[in-house]
Amino acid sequence: MSSNFYLEGTPDDVKNAKGLHLLTMNTPNGQAVQIFLEELKDAYGVEWTTTLINIMTNDQKNDWFLKLDPNGITTLLA
């Protein structure tokens, strides 16, 4: 993605991610996606990184997150 895509306040680990990047809260749904990504890595060498989102501080409602996912869902694969 273009660097112009990200808003001010977007975490550096999100802006600089290579390959697949998972933004999630550590919930059962988020863990299921992480397990899936580990399987893809083992089978195909898919590189991925993750950023944990804290819903207690409303990270998913920050402008930078809503630009990636307007619905504010806490498990997002970008």
PDB file of N, CA and C in Angstrom:
ATOM      1  N   MET A   1       0.828  -1.174   0.000  1.00  0.00           N
ATOM      2  CA  MET A   1       0.000   0.000   0.000  1.00  0.00           C
ATOM      3  C   MET A   1       0.877   1.243   0.000  1.00  0.00           C
ATOM      4  N   SER A   2       0.388   2.268  -0.547  1.00  0.00           N
ATOM      5  CA  SER A   2       1.103   3.527  -0.602  1.00  0.00           C
ATOM      6  C   SER A   2       1.236   4.121   0.796  1.00  0.00           C
ATOM      7  N   SER A   3       2.356   4.804   1.060  1.00  0.00           N
ATOM      8  CA  SER A   3       2.536   5.433   2.358  1.00  0.00           C
ATOM      9  C   SER A   3       1.514   6.550   2.570  1.00  0.00           C
ATOM     10  N   ASN A   4       0.937   7.103   1.491  1.00  0.00           N
ATOM     11  CA  ASN A   4      -0.101   8.122   1.609  1.00  0.00           C
ATOM     12  C   ASN A   4      -1.411   7.538   2.119  1.00  0.00           C
ATOM     13  N   PHE A   5      -1.523   6.242   2.117  1.00  0.00           N
ATOM     14  CA  PHE A   5      -2.747   5.574   2.547  1.00  0.00           C
ATOM     15  C   PHE A   5      -2.958   5.713   4.049  1.00  0.00           C
ATOM     16  N   TYR A   6      -1.869   5.696   4.806  1.00  0.00           N
ATOM     17  CA  TYR A   6      -1.971   5.685   6.259  1.00  0.00           C
ATOM     18  C   TYR A   6      -2.147   7.084   6.829  1.00  0.00           C
ATOM     19  N   LEU A   7      -2.948   7.187   7.858  1.00  0.00           N
ATOM     20  CA  LEU A   7      -3.188   8.452   8.539  1.00  0.00           C
ATOM     21  C   LEU A   7      -2.141   8.678   9.626  1.00  0.00           C
ATOM     22  N   GLU A   8      -2.033   9.916  10.064  1.00  0.00           N
ATOM     23  CA  GLU A   8      -1.169  10.223  11.198  1.00  0.00           C
ATOM     24  C   GLU A   8      -1.692   9.449  12.408  1.00  0.00           C
ATOM     25  N   GLY A   9      -0.796   8.888  13.164  1.00  0.00           N
ATOM     26  CA  GLY A   9      -1.192   8.099  14.325  1.00  0.00           C
ATOM     27  C   GLY A   9      -1.225   6.608  14.067  1.00  0.00           C
ATOM     28  N   THR A  10      -1.098   6.198  12.799  1.00  0.00           N
ATOM     29  CA  THR A  10      -1.039   4.771  12.491  1.00  0.00           C
ATOM     30  C   THR A  10       0.252   4.201  13.077  1.00  0.00           C
ATOM     31  N   PRO A  11       0.176   3.129  13.861  1.00  0.00           N
ATOM     32  CA  PRO A  11       1.394   2.549  14.452  1.00  0.00           C
ATOM     33  C   PRO A  11       2.404   2.146  13.379  1.00  0.00           C
ATOM     34  N   ASP A  12       3.685   2.293  13.698  1.00  0.00           N
ATOM     35  CA  ASP A  12       4.746   1.968  12.749  1.00  0.00           C
ATOM     36  C   ASP A  12       4.710   0.507  12.325  1.00  0.00           C
ATOM     37  N   ASP A  13       4.364  -0.412  13.249  1.00  0.00           N
ATOM     38  CA  ASP A  13       4.334  -1.827  12.865  1.00  0.00           C
ATOM     39  C   ASP A  13       3.242  -2.100  11.834  1.00  0.00           C
ATOM     40  N   VAL A  14       2.215  -1.289  11.790  1.00  0.00           N
ATOM     41  CA  VAL A  14       1.173  -1.423  10.766  1.00  0.00           C
ATOM     42  C   VAL A  14       1.668  -0.830   9.445  1.00  0.00           C
ATOM     43  N   LYS A  15       2.247   0.364   9.505  1.00  0.00           N
ATOM     44  CA  LYS A  15       2.718   1.033   8.288  1.00  0.00           C
ATOM     45  C   LYS A  15       3.845   0.270   7.605  1.00  0.00           C
ATOM     46  N   ASN A  16       4.696  -0.392   8.385  1.00  0.00           N
ATOM     47  CA  ASN A  16       5.891  -1.039   7.831  1.00  0.00           C
ATOM     48  C   ASN A  16       5.736  -2.543   7.657  1.00  0.00           C
ATOM     49  N   ALA A  17       4.533  -3.056   7.773  1.00  0.00           N
ATOM     50  CA  ALA A  17       4.308  -4.496   7.681  1.00  0.00           C
ATOM     51  C   ALA A  17       4.652  -5.019   6.287  1.00  0.00           C
ATOM     52  N   LYS A  18       5.275  -6.172   6.257  1.00  0.00           N
ATOM     53  CA  LYS A  18       5.590  -6.870   5.009  1.00  0.00           C
ATOM     54  C   LYS A  18       4.710  -8.119   4.951  1.00  0.00           C
ATOM     55  N   GLY A  19       4.172  -8.412   3.793  1.00  0.00           N
ATOM     56  CA  GLY A  19       3.307  -9.578   3.659  1.00  0.00           C
ATOM     57  C   GLY A  19       1.963  -9.326   4.321  1.00  0.00           C
ATOM     58  N   LEU A  20       1.347 -10.353   4.844  1.00  0.00           N
ATOM     59  CA  LEU A  20       0.059 -10.230   5.514  1.00  0.00           C
ATOM     60  C   LEU A  20       0.255  -9.625   6.899  1.00  0.00           C
ATOM     61  N   HIS A  21      -0.676  -8.806   7.312  1.00  0.00           N
ATOM     62  CA  HIS A  21      -0.607  -8.204   8.643  1.00  0.00           C
ATOM     63  C   HIS A  21      -1.961  -8.341   9.310  1.00  0.00           C
ATOM     64  N   LEU A  22      -1.962  -8.952  10.483  1.00  0.00           N
ATOM     65  CA  LEU A  22      -3.188  -9.203  11.237  1.00  0.00           C
ATOM     66  C   LEU A  22      -3.314  -8.175  12.348  1.00  0.00           C
ATOM     67  N   LEU A  23      -4.435  -7.482  12.384  1.00  0.00           N
ATOM     68  CA  LEU A  23      -4.770  -6.582  13.482  1.00  0.00           C
ATOM     69  C   LEU A  23      -5.896  -7.262  14.243  1.00  0.00           C
ATOM     70  N   THR A  24      -5.667  -7.582  15.505  1.00  0.00           N
ATOM     71  CA  THR A  24      -6.637  -8.383  16.230  1.00  0.00           C
ATOM     72  C   THR A  24      -6.553  -8.154  17.721  1.00  0.00           C
ATOM     73  N   MET A  25      -7.602  -8.518  18.404  1.00  0.00           N
ATOM     74  CA  MET A  25      -7.574  -8.636  19.851  1.00  0.00           C
ATOM     75  C   MET A  25      -7.349 -10.116  20.126  1.00  0.00           C
ATOM     76  N   ASN A  26      -6.724 -10.430  21.221  1.00  0.00           N
ATOM     77  CA  ASN A  26      -6.393 -11.825  21.511  1.00  0.00           C
ATOM     78  C   ASN A  26      -7.633 -12.560  22.040  1.00  0.00           C
ATOM     79  N   THR A  27      -8.573 -12.804  21.128  1.00  0.00           N
ATOM     80  CA  THR A  27      -9.821 -13.503  21.428  1.00  0.00           C
ATOM     81  C   THR A  27      -9.804 -14.844  20.698  1.00  0.00           C
ATOM     82  N   PRO A  28     -10.769 -15.729  20.965  1.00  0.00           N
ATOM     83  CA  PRO A  28     -10.808 -16.991  20.222  1.00  0.00           C
ATOM     84  C   PRO A  28     -10.846 -16.800  18.705  1.00  0.00           C
ATOM     85  N   ASN A  29     -11.609 -15.818  18.218  1.00  0.00           N
ATOM     86  CA  ASN A  29     -11.646 -15.578  16.775  1.00  0.00           C
ATOM     87  C   ASN A  29     -10.294 -15.111  16.264  1.00  0.00           C
ATOM     88  N   GLY A  30      -9.659 -14.213  16.993  1.00  0.00           N
ATOM     89  CA  GLY A  30      -8.338 -13.737  16.606  1.00  0.00           C
ATOM     90  C   GLY A  30      -7.302 -14.844  16.649  1.00  0.00           C
ATOM     91  N   GLN A  31      -7.395 -15.710  17.652  1.00  0.00           N
ATOM     92  CA  GLN A  31      -6.465 -16.835  17.761  1.00  0.00           C
ATOM     93  C   GLN A  31      -6.657 -17.828  16.625  1.00  0.00           C
ATOM     94  N   ALA A  32      -7.899 -18.011  16.190  1.00  0.00           N
ATOM     95  CA  ALA A  32      -8.158 -18.925  15.071  1.00  0.00           C
ATOM     96  C   ALA A  32      -7.470 -18.421  13.804  1.00  0.00           C
ATOM     97  N   VAL A  33      -7.505 -17.120  13.573  1.00  0.00           N
ATOM     98  CA  VAL A  33      -6.841 -16.553  12.397  1.00  0.00           C
ATOM     99  C   VAL A  33      -5.323 -16.715  12.534  1.00  0.00           C
ATOM    100  N   GLN A  34      -4.798 -16.516  13.736  1.00  0.00           N
ATOM    101  CA  GLN A  34      -3.361 -16.689  13.952  1.00  0.00           C
ATOM    102  C   GLN A  34      -2.934 -18.130  13.680  1.00  0.00           C
ATOM    103  N   ILE A  35      -3.734 -19.084  14.103  1.00  0.00           N
ATOM    104  CA  ILE A  35      -3.438 -20.498  13.837  1.00  0.00           C
ATOM    105  C   ILE A  35      -3.454 -20.760  12.334  1.00  0.00           C
ATOM    106  N   PHE A  36      -4.445 -20.207  11.642  1.00  0.00           N
ATOM    107  CA  PHE A  36      -4.524 -20.351  10.193  1.00  0.00           C
ATOM    108  C   PHE A  36      -3.277 -19.785   9.523  1.00  0.00           C
ATOM    109  N   LEU A  37      -2.832 -18.615   9.969  1.00  0.00           N
ATOM    110  CA  LEU A  37      -1.639 -17.999   9.383  1.00  0.00           C
ATOM    111  C   LEU A  37      -0.391 -18.831   9.667  1.00  0.00           C
ATOM    112  N   GLU A  38      -0.307 -19.435  10.845  1.00  0.00           N
ATOM    113  CA  GLU A  38       0.822 -20.331  11.150  1.00  0.00           C
ATOM    114  C   GLU A  38       0.820 -21.533  10.211  1.00  0.00           C
ATOM    115  N   GLU A  39      -0.367 -22.064   9.926  1.00  0.00           N
ATOM    116  CA  GLU A  39      -0.476 -23.184   8.984  1.00  0.00           C
ATOM    117  C   GLU A  39      -0.036 -22.759   7.589  1.00  0.00           C
ATOM    118  N   LEU A  40      -0.437 -21.568   7.149  1.00  0.00           N
ATOM    119  CA  LEU A  40      -0.003 -21.061   5.842  1.00  0.00           C
ATOM    120  C   LEU A  40       1.507 -20.884   5.798  1.00  0.00           C
ATOM    121  N   LYS A  41       2.073 -20.420   6.899  1.00  0.00           N
ATOM    122  CA  LYS A  41       3.526 -20.237   6.966  1.00  0.00           C
ATOM    123  C   LYS A  41       4.242 -21.579   6.846  1.00  0.00           C
ATOM    124  N   ASP A  42       3.752 -22.575   7.587  1.00  0.00           N
ATOM    125  CA  ASP A  42       4.371 -23.898   7.541  1.00  0.00           C
ATOM    126  C   ASP A  42       4.233 -24.547   6.169  1.00  0.00           C
ATOM    127  N   ALA A  43       3.074 -24.407   5.547  1.00  0.00           N
ATOM    128  CA  ALA A  43       2.814 -25.074   4.275  1.00  0.00           C
ATOM    129  C   ALA A  43       3.407 -24.336   3.080  1.00  0.00           C
ATOM    130  N   TYR A  44       3.328 -23.007   3.098  1.00  0.00           N
ATOM    131  CA  TYR A  44       3.685 -22.233   1.906  1.00  0.00           C
ATOM    132  C   TYR A  44       4.738 -21.161   2.139  1.00  0.00           C
ATOM    133  N   GLY A  45       5.177 -20.998   3.374  1.00  0.00           N
ATOM    134  CA  GLY A  45       6.178 -19.971   3.663  1.00  0.00           C
ATOM    135  C   GLY A  45       5.623 -18.564   3.677  1.00  0.00           C
ATOM    136  N   VAL A  46       4.318 -18.426   3.887  1.00  0.00           N
ATOM    137  CA  VAL A  46       3.677 -17.106   3.906  1.00  0.00           C
ATOM    138  C   VAL A  46       4.179 -16.324   5.113  1.00  0.00           C
ATOM    139  N   GLU A  47       4.675 -15.122   4.857  1.00  0.00           N
ATOM    140  CA  GLU A  47       5.138 -14.267   5.942  1.00  0.00           C
ATOM    141  C   GLU A  47       3.981 -13.421   6.449  1.00  0.00           C
ATOM    142  N   TRP A  48       3.907 -13.252   7.768  1.00  0.00           N
ATOM    143  CA  TRP A  48       2.851 -12.445   8.345  1.00  0.00           C
ATOM    144  C   TRP A  48       3.315 -11.857   9.665  1.00  0.00           C
ATOM    145  N   THR A  49       2.686 -10.762  10.048  1.00  0.00           N
ATOM    146  CA  THR A  49       2.952 -10.117  11.322  1.00  0.00           C
ATOM    147  C   THR A  49       1.615  -9.785  11.961  1.00  0.00           C
ATOM    148  N   THR A  50       1.666  -9.385  13.219  1.00  0.00           N
ATOM    149  CA  THR A  50       0.419  -9.085  13.917  1.00  0.00           C
ATOM    150  C   THR A  50       0.563  -7.856  14.802  1.00  0.00           C
ATOM    151  N   THR A  51      -0.536  -7.163  14.984  1.00  0.00           N
ATOM    152  CA  THR A  51      -0.647  -6.057  15.932  1.00  0.00           C
ATOM    153  C   THR A  51      -1.869  -6.330  16.786  1.00  0.00           C
ATOM    154  N   LEU A  52      -1.682  -6.305  18.103  1.00  0.00           N
ATOM    155  CA  LEU A  52      -2.814  -6.513  18.999  1.00  0.00           C
ATOM    156  C   LEU A  52      -3.542  -5.193  19.223  1.00  0.00           C
ATOM    157  N   ILE A  53      -4.861  -5.247  19.134  1.00  0.00           N
ATOM    158  CA  ILE A  53      -5.733  -4.103  19.318  1.00  0.00           C
ATOM    159  C   ILE A  53      -6.367  -4.208  20.708  1.00  0.00           C
ATOM    160  N   ASN A  54      -6.395  -3.104  21.443  1.00  0.00           N
ATOM    161  CA  ASN A  54      -6.980  -3.083  22.778  1.00  0.00           C
ATOM    162  C   ASN A  54      -8.354  -2.420  22.704  1.00  0.00           C
ATOM    163  N   ILE A  55      -9.409  -3.223  22.819  1.00  0.00           N
ATOM    164  CA  ILE A  55     -10.758  -2.652  22.729  1.00  0.00           C
ATOM    165  C   ILE A  55     -11.132  -1.888  23.996  1.00  0.00           C
ATOM    166  N   MET A  56     -10.415  -2.104  25.075  1.00  0.00           N
ATOM    167  CA  MET A  56     -10.698  -1.377  26.317  1.00  0.00           C
ATOM    168  C   MET A  56     -10.345   0.104  26.178  1.00  0.00           C
ATOM    169  N   THR A  57      -9.412   0.422  25.292  1.00  0.00           N
ATOM    170  CA  THR A  57      -9.041   1.821  25.046  1.00  0.00           C
ATOM    171  C   THR A  57      -9.581   2.302  23.701  1.00  0.00           C
ATOM    172  N   ASN A  58     -10.469   1.500  23.092  1.00  0.00           N
ATOM    173  CA  ASN A  58     -11.126   1.845  21.820  1.00  0.00           C
ATOM    174  C   ASN A  58     -10.158   2.054  20.662  1.00  0.00           C
ATOM    175  N   ASP A  59      -9.068   1.267  20.626  1.00  0.00           N
ATOM    176  CA  ASP A  59      -8.141   1.338  19.491  1.00  0.00           C
ATOM    177  C   ASP A  59      -8.867   1.158  18.167  1.00  0.00           C
ATOM    178  N   GLN A  60      -9.887   0.305  18.143  1.00  0.00           N
ATOM    179  CA  GLN A  60     -10.605   0.002  16.904  1.00  0.00           C
ATOM    180  C   GLN A  60     -11.466   1.163  16.441  1.00  0.00           C
ATOM    181  N   LYS A  61     -11.580   2.211  17.238  1.00  0.00           N
ATOM    182  CA  LYS A  61     -12.365   3.384  16.856  1.00  0.00           C
ATOM    183  C   LYS A  61     -11.482   4.571  16.477  1.00  0.00           C
ATOM    184  N   ASN A  62     -10.151   4.393  16.519  1.00  0.00           N
ATOM    185  CA  ASN A  62      -9.243   5.448  16.081  1.00  0.00           C
ATOM    186  C   ASN A  62      -9.358   5.634  14.575  1.00  0.00           C
ATOM    187  N   ASP A  63      -9.121   6.855  14.119  1.00  0.00           N
ATOM    188  CA  ASP A  63      -9.252   7.167  12.690  1.00  0.00           C
ATOM    189  C   ASP A  63      -8.383   6.268  11.818  1.00  0.00           C
ATOM    190  N   TRP A  64      -7.144   5.989  12.261  1.00  0.00           N
ATOM    191  CA  TRP A  64      -6.251   5.164  11.435  1.00  0.00           C
ATOM    192  C   TRP A  64      -6.814   3.757  11.263  1.00  0.00           C
ATOM    193  N   PHE A  65      -7.453   3.216  12.306  1.00  0.00           N
ATOM    194  CA  PHE A  65      -8.023   1.872  12.203  1.00  0.00           C
ATOM    195  C   PHE A  65      -9.280   1.891  11.345  1.00  0.00           C
ATOM    196  N   LEU A  66     -10.116   2.907  11.520  1.00  0.00           N
ATOM    197  CA  LEU A  66     -11.353   2.996  10.740  1.00  0.00           C
ATOM    198  C   LEU A  66     -11.078   3.210   9.253  1.00  0.00           C
ATOM    199  N   LYS A  67      -9.916   3.781   8.912  1.00  0.00           N
ATOM    200  CA  LYS A  67      -9.558   3.900   7.495  1.00  0.00           C
ATOM    201  C   LYS A  67      -9.295   2.510   6.911  1.00  0.00           C
ATOM    202  N   LEU A  68      -8.707   1.611   7.715  1.00  0.00           N
ATOM    203  CA  LEU A  68      -8.455   0.238   7.261  1.00  0.00           C
ATOM    204  C   LEU A  68      -9.733  -0.589   7.280  1.00  0.00           C
ATOM    205  N   ASP A  69     -10.570  -0.364   8.298  1.00  0.00           N
ATOM    206  CA  ASP A  69     -11.818  -1.125   8.440  1.00  0.00           C
ATOM    207  C   ASP A  69     -12.907  -0.205   8.995  1.00  0.00           C
ATOM    208  N   PRO A  70     -13.732   0.360   8.109  1.00  0.00           N
ATOM    209  CA  PRO A  70     -14.762   1.307   8.534  1.00  0.00           C
ATOM    210  C   PRO A  70     -15.747   0.734   9.557  1.00  0.00           C
ATOM    211  N   ASN A  71     -15.867  -0.587   9.659  1.00  0.00           N
ATOM    212  CA  ASN A  71     -16.780  -1.186  10.611  1.00  0.00           C
ATOM    213  C   ASN A  71     -16.190  -1.293  12.013  1.00  0.00           C
ATOM    214  N   GLY A  72     -14.876  -1.090  12.152  1.00  0.00           N
ATOM    215  CA  GLY A  72     -14.239  -1.162  13.473  1.00  0.00           C
ATOM    216  C   GLY A  72     -14.218  -2.559  14.052  1.00  0.00           C
ATOM    217  N   ILE A  73     -14.147  -3.571  13.192  1.00  0.00           N
ATOM    218  CA  ILE A  73     -14.061  -4.959  13.638  1.00  0.00           C
ATOM    219  C   ILE A  73     -12.656  -5.209  14.178  1.00  0.00           C
ATOM    220  N   THR A  74     -12.530  -5.985  15.260  1.00  0.00           N
ATOM    221  CA  THR A  74     -11.214  -6.121  15.895  1.00  0.00           C
ATOM    222  C   THR A  74     -10.339  -7.223  15.332  1.00  0.00           C
ATOM    223  N   THR A  75     -10.767  -7.964  14.357  1.00  0.00           N
ATOM    224  CA  THR A  75      -9.885  -8.909  13.675  1.00  0.00           C
ATOM    225  C   THR A  75      -9.894  -8.542  12.196  1.00  0.00           C
ATOM    226  N   LEU A  76      -8.760  -8.049  11.735  1.00  0.00           N
ATOM    227  CA  LEU A  76      -8.638  -7.546  10.372  1.00  0.00           C
ATOM    228  C   LEU A  76      -7.341  -8.053   9.787  1.00  0.00           C
ATOM    229  N   LEU A  77      -7.408  -8.612   8.616  1.00  0.00           N
ATOM    230  CA  LEU A  77      -6.217  -9.066   7.898  1.00  0.00           C
ATOM    231  C   LEU A  77      -6.004  -8.133   6.728  1.00  0.00           C
ATOM    232  N   ALA A  78      -4.915  -7.395   6.763  1.00  0.00           N
ATOM    233  CA  ALA A  78      -4.641  -6.398   5.719  1.00  0.00           C
ATOM    234  C   ALA A  78      -3.464  -6.831   4.866  1.00  0.00           C
TER     235      ALA A  78
END
